[in-house]
Amino acid sequence: MKKNWNYETKIEEIETIISRIEAGELQLEEVFEEFGAAVKSLRECENFLQQRQQQVDLMIETLQDSEQ
């Protein structure tokens, strides 16, 4: 992920794409292009959340080890 990558911004972009598709604002070719971009962004968001979950799990494990 790029340094200036932002989860909330990506979610907004995905929501915008979905809205445009649902509203019928795009030609068929554009629908496929935008859908592909949305899927790519969703994968990036999923990876981001998985990384953060791993960090949280590690912190919890560290806290539990220090309490024992």
C-alpha atoms as a PDB file:
ATOM      1  CA  MET A   1       0.000   0.000   0.000  1.00  0.00           C
ATOM      2  CA  LYS A   2       1.121   3.499  -0.734  1.00  0.00           C
ATOM      3  CA  LYS A   3       2.188   5.781   2.090  1.00  0.00           C
ATOM      4  CA  ASN A   4      -0.742   8.170   1.522  1.00  0.00           C
ATOM      5  CA  TRP A   5      -3.252   5.292   1.311  1.00  0.00           C
ATOM      6  CA  ASN A   6      -6.315   5.896   3.497  1.00  0.00           C
ATOM      7  CA  TYR A   7      -8.948   3.315   4.469  1.00  0.00           C
ATOM      8  CA  GLU A   8     -11.800   5.794   4.820  1.00  0.00           C
ATOM      9  CA  THR A   9     -11.015   7.382   1.455  1.00  0.00           C
ATOM     10  CA  LYS A  10     -11.017   3.977  -0.237  1.00  0.00           C
ATOM     11  CA  ILE A  11     -14.396   3.129   1.309  1.00  0.00           C
ATOM     12  CA  GLU A  12     -15.814   6.432   0.036  1.00  0.00           C
ATOM     13  CA  GLU A  13     -14.464   5.690  -3.449  1.00  0.00           C
ATOM     14  CA  ILE A  14     -16.064   2.230  -3.397  1.00  0.00           C
ATOM     15  CA  GLU A  15     -19.389   3.681  -2.254  1.00  0.00           C
ATOM     16  CA  THR A  16     -19.249   6.267  -5.047  1.00  0.00           C
ATOM     17  CA  ILE A  17     -18.591   3.580  -7.643  1.00  0.00           C
ATOM     18  CA  ILE A  18     -21.470   1.467  -6.351  1.00  0.00           C
ATOM     19  CA  SER A  19     -23.808   4.469  -6.396  1.00  0.00           C
ATOM     20  CA  ARG A  20     -22.841   5.344  -9.967  1.00  0.00           C
ATOM     21  CA  ILE A  21     -23.381   1.750 -11.112  1.00  0.00           C
ATOM     22  CA  GLU A  22     -26.735   1.491  -9.341  1.00  0.00           C
ATOM     23  CA  ALA A  23     -27.864   4.846 -10.747  1.00  0.00           C
ATOM     24  CA  GLY A  24     -27.078   3.713 -14.287  1.00  0.00           C
ATOM     25  CA  GLU A  25     -24.683   6.605 -14.855  1.00  0.00           C
ATOM     26  CA  LEU A  26     -22.090   4.479 -16.632  1.00  0.00           C
ATOM     27  CA  GLN A  27     -21.815   2.792 -19.986  1.00  0.00           C
ATOM     28  CA  LEU A  28     -21.342  -0.983 -19.861  1.00  0.00           C
ATOM     29  CA  GLU A  29     -17.584  -0.810 -20.476  1.00  0.00           C
ATOM     30  CA  GLU A  30     -17.241   1.780 -17.704  1.00  0.00           C
ATOM     31  CA  VAL A  31     -19.250  -0.456 -15.358  1.00  0.00           C
ATOM     32  CA  PHE A  32     -16.669  -3.222 -15.777  1.00  0.00           C
ATOM     33  CA  GLU A  33     -13.753  -0.823 -15.342  1.00  0.00           C
ATOM     34  CA  GLU A  34     -15.245   0.772 -12.233  1.00  0.00           C
ATOM     35  CA  PHE A  35     -16.278  -2.598 -10.813  1.00  0.00           C
ATOM     36  CA  GLY A  36     -12.711  -3.842 -11.277  1.00  0.00           C
ATOM     37  CA  ALA A  37     -11.390  -0.766  -9.481  1.00  0.00           C
ATOM     38  CA  ALA A  38     -13.854  -1.319  -6.631  1.00  0.00           C
ATOM     39  CA  VAL A  39     -12.814  -4.961  -6.249  1.00  0.00           C
ATOM     40  CA  LYS A  40      -9.145  -3.926  -6.145  1.00  0.00           C
ATOM     41  CA  SER A  41      -9.914  -1.326  -3.486  1.00  0.00           C
ATOM     42  CA  LEU A  42     -11.927  -3.853  -1.461  1.00  0.00           C
ATOM     43  CA  ARG A  43      -8.955  -6.231  -1.490  1.00  0.00           C
ATOM     44  CA  GLU A  44      -6.679  -3.430  -0.303  1.00  0.00           C
ATOM     45  CA  CYS A  45      -9.136  -2.642   2.509  1.00  0.00           C
ATOM     46  CA  GLU A  46      -9.351  -6.295   3.491  1.00  0.00           C
ATOM     47  CA  ASN A  47      -5.548  -6.567   3.623  1.00  0.00           C
ATOM     48  CA  PHE A  48      -5.371  -3.392   5.692  1.00  0.00           C
ATOM     49  CA  LEU A  49      -7.917  -4.740   8.197  1.00  0.00           C
ATOM     50  CA  GLN A  50      -6.164  -8.112   8.398  1.00  0.00           C
ATOM     51  CA  GLN A  51      -2.859  -6.382   9.159  1.00  0.00           C
ATOM     52  CA  ARG A  52      -4.475  -4.268  11.870  1.00  0.00           C
ATOM     53  CA  GLN A  53      -6.145  -7.342  13.357  1.00  0.00           C
ATOM     54  CA  GLN A  54      -2.768  -9.067  13.549  1.00  0.00           C
ATOM     55  CA  GLN A  55      -1.342  -6.031  15.332  1.00  0.00           C
ATOM     56  CA  VAL A  56      -4.226  -6.025  17.826  1.00  0.00           C
ATOM     57  CA  ASP A  57      -3.857  -9.770  18.416  1.00  0.00           C
ATOM     58  CA  LEU A  58      -0.152  -9.298  19.097  1.00  0.00           C
ATOM     59  CA  MET A  59      -0.818  -6.459  21.537  1.00  0.00           C
ATOM     60  CA  ILE A  60      -3.421  -8.535  23.381  1.00  0.00           C
ATOM     61  CA  GLU A  61      -1.029 -11.478  23.547  1.00  0.00           C
ATOM     62  CA  THR A  62       1.729  -9.202  24.851  1.00  0.00           C
ATOM     63  CA  LEU A  63      -0.597  -7.788  27.534  1.00  0.00           C
ATOM     64  CA  GLN A  64      -1.690 -11.262  28.607  1.00  0.00           C
ATOM     65  CA  ASP A  65       1.929 -12.434  28.827  1.00  0.00           C
ATOM     66  CA  SER A  66       2.869  -9.430  30.966  1.00  0.00           C
ATOM     67  CA  GLU A  67      -0.037 -10.088  33.360  1.00  0.00           C
ATOM     68  CA  GLN A  68       1.131 -13.613  34.092  1.00  0.00           C
END
